[in-house]
Structure formats: structure tokens, C-alpha cells
């Protein structure tokens, strides 16, 4: 069970990284995509980080 949660933590961290990189690249390019999607991407990043941290906390509490 512990391995399952650590796998979920890694997946959530990779999703967070993907959203972060997409947001940074959008800000660097500017334009219409950035003005329409930048706030949404950063909110999505915060949510993904929260999910990753909660999964990490659960993984730390699971005993095998």
C-alpha cells in the first residue's frame, strides 16, 4: 500500500511540474494564451501541489 501512495505522489509531482512549466513558458511568450490562461494555470498548479502534499502525508502515515 505504501508503494501505491508513493507512486501517486510521484505522479502528482510530475503533473505539478508540467503545469508549472506550461505556465512559465506561457508567461515567457506572452500573447493571447498567456492573458487568457495564466491565472487558470497557476490555480491548477496550487491545486496539484495540494494533492501531492496530501498524498505524501497519507503515504507517511500508512504502515506496512
PDB file of N, CA and C in Angstrom:
ATOM      1  N   UNK A   1       0.817  -1.189   0.000  1.00  0.00           N
ATOM      2  CA  UNK A   1       0.000   0.000   0.000  1.00  0.00           C
ATOM      3  C   UNK A   1       0.866   1.260   0.000  1.00  0.00           C
ATOM      4  N   UNK A   2       1.986   1.188   0.699  1.00  0.00           N
ATOM      5  CA  UNK A   2       2.881   2.331   0.771  1.00  0.00           C
ATOM      6  C   UNK A   2       3.450   2.669  -0.604  1.00  0.00           C
ATOM      7  N   UNK A   3       3.794   1.645  -1.372  1.00  0.00           N
ATOM      8  CA  UNK A   3       4.340   1.852  -2.714  1.00  0.00           C
ATOM      9  C   UNK A   3       3.294   2.518  -3.606  1.00  0.00           C
ATOM     10  N   UNK A   4       2.044   2.123  -3.435  1.00  0.00           N
ATOM     11  CA  UNK A   4       0.953   2.709  -4.214  1.00  0.00           C
ATOM     12  C   UNK A   4       0.868   4.213  -3.972  1.00  0.00           C
ATOM     13  N   UNK A   5       0.907   4.637  -2.704  1.00  0.00           N
ATOM     14  CA  UNK A   5       0.809   6.061  -2.402  1.00  0.00           C
ATOM     15  C   UNK A   5       2.034   6.817  -2.886  1.00  0.00           C
ATOM     16  N   UNK A   6       3.220   6.231  -2.768  1.00  0.00           N
ATOM     17  CA  UNK A   6       4.411   6.915  -3.271  1.00  0.00           C
ATOM     18  C   UNK A   6       4.366   7.052  -4.787  1.00  0.00           C
ATOM     19  N   UNK A   7       3.783   6.079  -5.479  1.00  0.00           N
ATOM     20  CA  UNK A   7       3.604   6.188  -6.924  1.00  0.00           C
ATOM     21  C   UNK A   7       2.644   7.330  -7.249  1.00  0.00           C
ATOM     22  N   UNK A   8       1.576   7.447  -6.483  1.00  0.00           N
ATOM     23  CA  UNK A   8       0.639   8.554  -6.668  1.00  0.00           C
ATOM     24  C   UNK A   8       1.303   9.898  -6.381  1.00  0.00           C
ATOM     25  N   UNK A   9       2.167   9.948  -5.370  1.00  0.00           N
ATOM     26  CA  UNK A   9       2.881  11.187  -5.048  1.00  0.00           C
ATOM     27  C   UNK A   9       3.775  11.589  -6.216  1.00  0.00           C
ATOM     28  N   UNK A  10       4.494  10.641  -6.784  1.00  0.00           N
ATOM     29  CA  UNK A  10       5.364  10.931  -7.924  1.00  0.00           C
ATOM     30  C   UNK A  10       4.536  11.425  -9.108  1.00  0.00           C
ATOM     31  N   UNK A  11       3.409  10.787  -9.369  1.00  0.00           N
ATOM     32  CA  UNK A  11       2.539  11.210 -10.471  1.00  0.00           C
ATOM     33  C   UNK A  11       2.018  12.628 -10.240  1.00  0.00           C
ATOM     34  N   UNK A  12       1.591  12.916  -9.019  1.00  0.00           N
ATOM     35  CA  UNK A  12       1.087  14.255  -8.708  1.00  0.00           C
ATOM     36  C   UNK A  12       2.190  15.301  -8.822  1.00  0.00           C
ATOM     37  N   UNK A  13       3.400  14.943  -8.423  1.00  0.00           N
ATOM     38  CA  UNK A  13       4.525  15.869  -8.547  1.00  0.00           C
ATOM     39  C   UNK A  13       4.853  16.141 -10.015  1.00  0.00           C
ATOM     40  N   UNK A  14       4.762  15.120 -10.845  1.00  0.00           N
ATOM     41  CA  UNK A  14       5.033  15.304 -12.271  1.00  0.00           C
ATOM     42  C   UNK A  14       3.945  16.169 -12.926  1.00  0.00           C
ATOM     43  N   UNK A  15       2.706  15.990 -12.510  1.00  0.00           N
ATOM     44  CA  UNK A  15       1.620  16.838 -13.021  1.00  0.00           C
ATOM     45  C   UNK A  15       1.856  18.285 -12.606  1.00  0.00           C
ATOM     46  N   UNK A  16       2.251  18.485 -11.355  1.00  0.00           N
ATOM     47  CA  UNK A  16       2.552  19.827 -10.861  1.00  0.00           C
ATOM     48  C   UNK A  16       3.677  20.457 -11.673  1.00  0.00           C
ATOM     49  N   UNK A  17       4.718  19.695 -11.921  1.00  0.00           N
ATOM     50  CA  UNK A  17       5.840  20.206 -12.715  1.00  0.00           C
ATOM     51  C   UNK A  17       5.397  20.564 -14.131  1.00  0.00           C
ATOM     52  N   UNK A  18       4.572  19.723 -14.736  1.00  0.00           N
ATOM     53  CA  UNK A  18       4.083  20.005 -16.080  1.00  0.00           C
ATOM     54  C   UNK A  18       3.272  21.279 -16.154  1.00  0.00           C
ATOM     55  N   UNK A  19       2.385  21.480 -15.179  1.00  0.00           N
ATOM     56  CA  UNK A  19       1.573  22.695 -15.149  1.00  0.00           C
ATOM     57  C   UNK A  19       2.456  23.911 -14.905  1.00  0.00           C
ATOM     58  N   UNK A  20       3.435  23.775 -14.026  1.00  0.00           N
ATOM     59  CA  UNK A  20       4.341  24.881 -13.729  1.00  0.00           C
ATOM     60  C   UNK A  20       5.139  25.282 -14.960  1.00  0.00           C
ATOM     61  N   UNK A  21       5.696  24.313 -15.655  1.00  0.00           N
ATOM     62  CA  UNK A  21       6.492  24.607 -16.854  1.00  0.00           C
ATOM     63  C   UNK A  21       5.612  25.237 -17.931  1.00  0.00           C
ATOM     64  N   UNK A  22       4.396  24.726 -18.096  1.00  0.00           N
ATOM     65  CA  UNK A  22       3.475  25.308 -19.077  1.00  0.00           C
ATOM     66  C   UNK A  22       3.173  26.763 -18.731  1.00  0.00           C
ATOM     67  N   UNK A  23       2.942  27.051 -17.466  1.00  0.00           N
ATOM     68  CA  UNK A  23       2.671  28.423 -17.042  1.00  0.00           C
ATOM     69  C   UNK A  23       3.857  29.343 -17.246  1.00  0.00           C
ATOM     70  N   UNK A  24       5.050  28.865 -16.935  1.00  0.00           N
ATOM     71  CA  UNK A  24       6.253  29.679 -17.111  1.00  0.00           C
ATOM     72  C   UNK A  24       6.500  29.965 -18.591  1.00  0.00           C
ATOM     73  N   UNK A  25       6.345  28.943 -19.430  1.00  0.00           N
ATOM     74  CA  UNK A  25       6.539  29.150 -20.864  1.00  0.00           C
ATOM     75  C   UNK A  25       5.487  30.100 -21.433  1.00  0.00           C
ATOM     76  N   UNK A  26       4.254  29.996 -20.949  1.00  0.00           N
ATOM     77  CA  UNK A  26       3.205  30.908 -21.409  1.00  0.00           C
ATOM     78  C   UNK A  26       3.529  32.345 -21.021  1.00  0.00           C
ATOM     79  N   UNK A  27       4.025  32.549 -19.795  1.00  0.00           N
ATOM     80  CA  UNK A  27       4.394  33.898 -19.365  1.00  0.00           C
ATOM     81  C   UNK A  27       5.575  34.426 -20.168  1.00  0.00           C
ATOM     82  N   UNK A  28       6.516  33.559 -20.497  1.00  0.00           N
ATOM     83  CA  UNK A  28       7.694  33.988 -21.250  1.00  0.00           C
ATOM     84  C   UNK A  28       7.315  34.414 -22.672  1.00  0.00           C
ATOM     85  N   UNK A  29       6.377  33.690 -23.275  1.00  0.00           N
ATOM     86  CA  UNK A  29       5.949  34.017 -24.638  1.00  0.00           C
ATOM     87  C   UNK A  29       4.997  35.195 -24.666  1.00  0.00           C
ATOM     88  N   UNK A  30       4.178  35.318 -23.639  1.00  0.00           N
ATOM     89  CA  UNK A  30       3.178  36.388 -23.631  1.00  0.00           C
ATOM     90  C   UNK A  30       2.054  36.064 -24.594  1.00  0.00           C
ATOM     91  N   UNK A  31       1.396  37.061 -25.073  1.00  0.00           N
ATOM     92  CA  UNK A  31       0.365  36.873 -26.080  1.00  0.00           C
ATOM     93  C   UNK A  31      -0.993  36.522 -25.506  1.00  0.00           C
ATOM     94  N   UNK A  32      -1.871  36.084 -26.409  1.00  0.00           N
ATOM     95  CA  UNK A  32      -3.270  35.821 -26.051  1.00  0.00           C
ATOM     96  C   UNK A  32      -3.396  34.626 -25.112  1.00  0.00           C
ATOM     97  N   UNK A  33      -2.614  33.578 -25.350  1.00  0.00           N
ATOM     98  CA  UNK A  33      -2.714  32.395 -24.488  1.00  0.00           C
ATOM     99  C   UNK A  33      -2.374  32.749 -23.049  1.00  0.00           C
ATOM    100  N   UNK A  34      -1.326  33.524 -22.867  1.00  0.00           N
ATOM    101  CA  UNK A  34      -0.920  33.903 -21.512  1.00  0.00           C
ATOM    102  C   UNK A  34      -1.996  34.736 -20.837  1.00  0.00           C
ATOM    103  N   UNK A  35      -2.545  35.698 -21.538  1.00  0.00           N
ATOM    104  CA  UNK A  35      -3.536  36.570 -20.903  1.00  0.00           C
ATOM    105  C   UNK A  35      -4.822  35.820 -20.564  1.00  0.00           C
ATOM    106  N   UNK A  36      -5.149  34.795 -21.331  1.00  0.00           N
ATOM    107  CA  UNK A  36      -6.371  34.039 -21.067  1.00  0.00           C
ATOM    108  C   UNK A  36      -6.171  32.912 -20.057  1.00  0.00           C
ATOM    109  N   UNK A  37      -4.996  32.301 -20.024  1.00  0.00           N
ATOM    110  CA  UNK A  37      -4.819  31.063 -19.266  1.00  0.00           C
ATOM    111  C   UNK A  37      -3.869  31.157 -18.068  1.00  0.00           C
ATOM    112  N   UNK A  38      -3.159  32.244 -17.879  1.00  0.00           N
ATOM    113  CA  UNK A  38      -2.127  32.281 -16.836  1.00  0.00           C
ATOM    114  C   UNK A  38      -2.704  32.086 -15.433  1.00  0.00           C
ATOM    115  N   UNK A  39      -3.793  32.767 -15.111  1.00  0.00           N
ATOM    116  CA  UNK A  39      -4.384  32.604 -13.776  1.00  0.00           C
ATOM    117  C   UNK A  39      -4.904  31.191 -13.572  1.00  0.00           C
ATOM    118  N   UNK A  40      -5.530  30.634 -14.601  1.00  0.00           N
ATOM    119  CA  UNK A  40      -6.058  29.276 -14.508  1.00  0.00           C
ATOM    120  C   UNK A  40      -4.938  28.274 -14.306  1.00  0.00           C
ATOM    121  N   UNK A  41      -3.831  28.443 -15.005  1.00  0.00           N
ATOM    122  CA  UNK A  41      -2.708  27.512 -14.865  1.00  0.00           C
ATOM    123  C   UNK A  41      -2.091  27.596 -13.469  1.00  0.00           C
ATOM    124  N   UNK A  42      -1.953  28.784 -12.930  1.00  0.00           N
ATOM    125  CA  UNK A  42      -1.349  28.911 -11.604  1.00  0.00           C
ATOM    126  C   UNK A  42      -2.284  28.377 -10.514  1.00  0.00           C
ATOM    127  N   UNK A  43      -3.603  28.539 -10.685  1.00  0.00           N
ATOM    128  CA  UNK A  43      -4.541  27.930  -9.727  1.00  0.00           C
ATOM    129  C   UNK A  43      -4.481  26.413  -9.810  1.00  0.00           C
ATOM    130  N   UNK A  44      -4.373  25.906 -11.029  1.00  0.00           N
ATOM    131  CA  UNK A  44      -4.255  24.462 -11.222  1.00  0.00           C
ATOM    132  C   UNK A  44      -2.967  23.928 -10.589  1.00  0.00           C
ATOM    133  N   UNK A  45      -1.897  24.714 -10.670  1.00  0.00           N
ATOM    134  CA  UNK A  45      -0.635  24.308 -10.051  1.00  0.00           C
ATOM    135  C   UNK A  45      -0.768  24.219  -8.536  1.00  0.00           C
ATOM    136  N   UNK A  46      -1.430  25.195  -7.942  1.00  0.00           N
ATOM    137  CA  UNK A  46      -1.612  25.185  -6.491  1.00  0.00           C
ATOM    138  C   UNK A  46      -2.450  23.977  -6.063  1.00  0.00           C
ATOM    139  N   UNK A  47      -3.489  23.669  -6.825  1.00  0.00           N
ATOM    140  CA  UNK A  47      -4.315  22.504  -6.511  1.00  0.00           C
ATOM    141  C   UNK A  47      -3.517  21.217  -6.646  1.00  0.00           C
ATOM    142  N   UNK A  48      -2.711  21.124  -7.699  1.00  0.00           N
ATOM    143  CA  UNK A  48      -1.880  19.932  -7.901  1.00  0.00           C
ATOM    144  C   UNK A  48      -0.862  19.784  -6.777  1.00  0.00           C
ATOM    145  N   UNK A  49      -0.299  20.895  -6.313  1.00  0.00           N
ATOM    146  CA  UNK A  49       0.638  20.834  -5.187  1.00  0.00           C
ATOM    147  C   UNK A  49      -0.073  20.365  -3.922  1.00  0.00           C
ATOM    148  N   UNK A  50      -1.274  20.854  -3.687  1.00  0.00           N
ATOM    149  CA  UNK A  50      -2.042  20.434  -2.519  1.00  0.00           C
ATOM    150  C   UNK A  50      -2.302  18.932  -2.563  1.00  0.00           C
ATOM    151  N   UNK A  51      -2.713  18.434  -3.714  1.00  0.00           N
ATOM    152  CA  UNK A  51      -2.967  16.998  -3.862  1.00  0.00           C
ATOM    153  C   UNK A  51      -1.684  16.212  -3.597  1.00  0.00           C
ATOM    154  N   UNK A  52      -0.571  16.669  -4.149  1.00  0.00           N
ATOM    155  CA  UNK A  52       0.699  15.973  -3.940  1.00  0.00           C
ATOM    156  C   UNK A  52       1.083  15.951  -2.460  1.00  0.00           C
ATOM    157  N   UNK A  53       0.896  17.063  -1.767  1.00  0.00           N
ATOM    158  CA  UNK A  53       1.241  17.111  -0.344  1.00  0.00           C
ATOM    159  C   UNK A  53       0.325  16.238   0.501  1.00  0.00           C
ATOM    160  N   UNK A  54      -0.953  16.227   0.177  1.00  0.00           N
ATOM    161  CA  UNK A  54      -1.890  15.375   0.927  1.00  0.00           C
ATOM    162  C   UNK A  54      -1.547  13.901   0.706  1.00  0.00           C
ATOM    163  N   UNK A  55      -1.278  13.537  -0.545  1.00  0.00           N
ATOM    164  CA  UNK A  55      -0.887  12.151  -0.820  1.00  0.00           C
ATOM    165  C   UNK A  55       0.406  11.785  -0.115  1.00  0.00           C
ATOM    166  N   UNK A  56       1.346  12.728  -0.066  1.00  0.00           N
ATOM    167  CA  UNK A  56       2.605  12.478   0.633  1.00  0.00           C
ATOM    168  C   UNK A  56       2.363  12.259   2.116  1.00  0.00           C
ATOM    169  N   UNK A  57       1.493  13.077   2.711  1.00  0.00           N
ATOM    170  CA  UNK A  57       1.175  12.910   4.136  1.00  0.00           C
ATOM    171  C   UNK A  57       0.513  11.570   4.397  1.00  0.00           C
ATOM    172  N   UNK A  58      -0.393  11.171   3.519  1.00  0.00           N
ATOM    173  CA  UNK A  58      -1.039   9.854   3.675  1.00  0.00           C
ATOM    174  C   UNK A  58      -0.017   8.749   3.543  1.00  0.00           C
ATOM    175  N   UNK A  59       0.898   8.884   2.580  1.00  0.00           N
ATOM    176  CA  UNK A  59       1.932   7.872   2.391  1.00  0.00           C
ATOM    177  C   UNK A  59       2.814   7.738   3.625  1.00  0.00           C
ATOM    178  N   UNK A  60       3.075   8.852   4.299  1.00  0.00           N
ATOM    179  CA  UNK A  60       3.904   8.819   5.504  1.00  0.00           C
ATOM    180  C   UNK A  60       3.158   8.154   6.664  1.00  0.00           C
ATOM    181  N   UNK A  61       1.844   8.259   6.676  1.00  0.00           N
ATOM    182  CA  UNK A  61       1.061   7.683   7.768  1.00  0.00           C
ATOM    183  C   UNK A  61       0.738   6.202   7.572  1.00  0.00           C
ATOM    184  N   UNK A  62       0.787   5.736   6.341  1.00  0.00           N
ATOM    185  CA  UNK A  62       0.449   4.335   6.059  1.00  0.00           C
ATOM    186  C   UNK A  62       1.543   3.442   6.611  1.00  0.00           C
ATOM    187  N   UNK A  63       1.142   2.426   7.333  1.00  0.00           N
ATOM    188  CA  UNK A  63       2.116   1.493   7.903  1.00  0.00           C
ATOM    189  C   UNK A  63       1.963   0.146   7.233  1.00  0.00           C
ATOM    190  N   UNK A  64       3.076  -0.455   6.914  1.00  0.00           N
ATOM    191  CA  UNK A  64       3.073  -1.799   6.343  1.00  0.00           C
ATOM    192  C   UNK A  64       3.874  -2.724   7.216  1.00  0.00           C
TER     193      UNK A  64
END
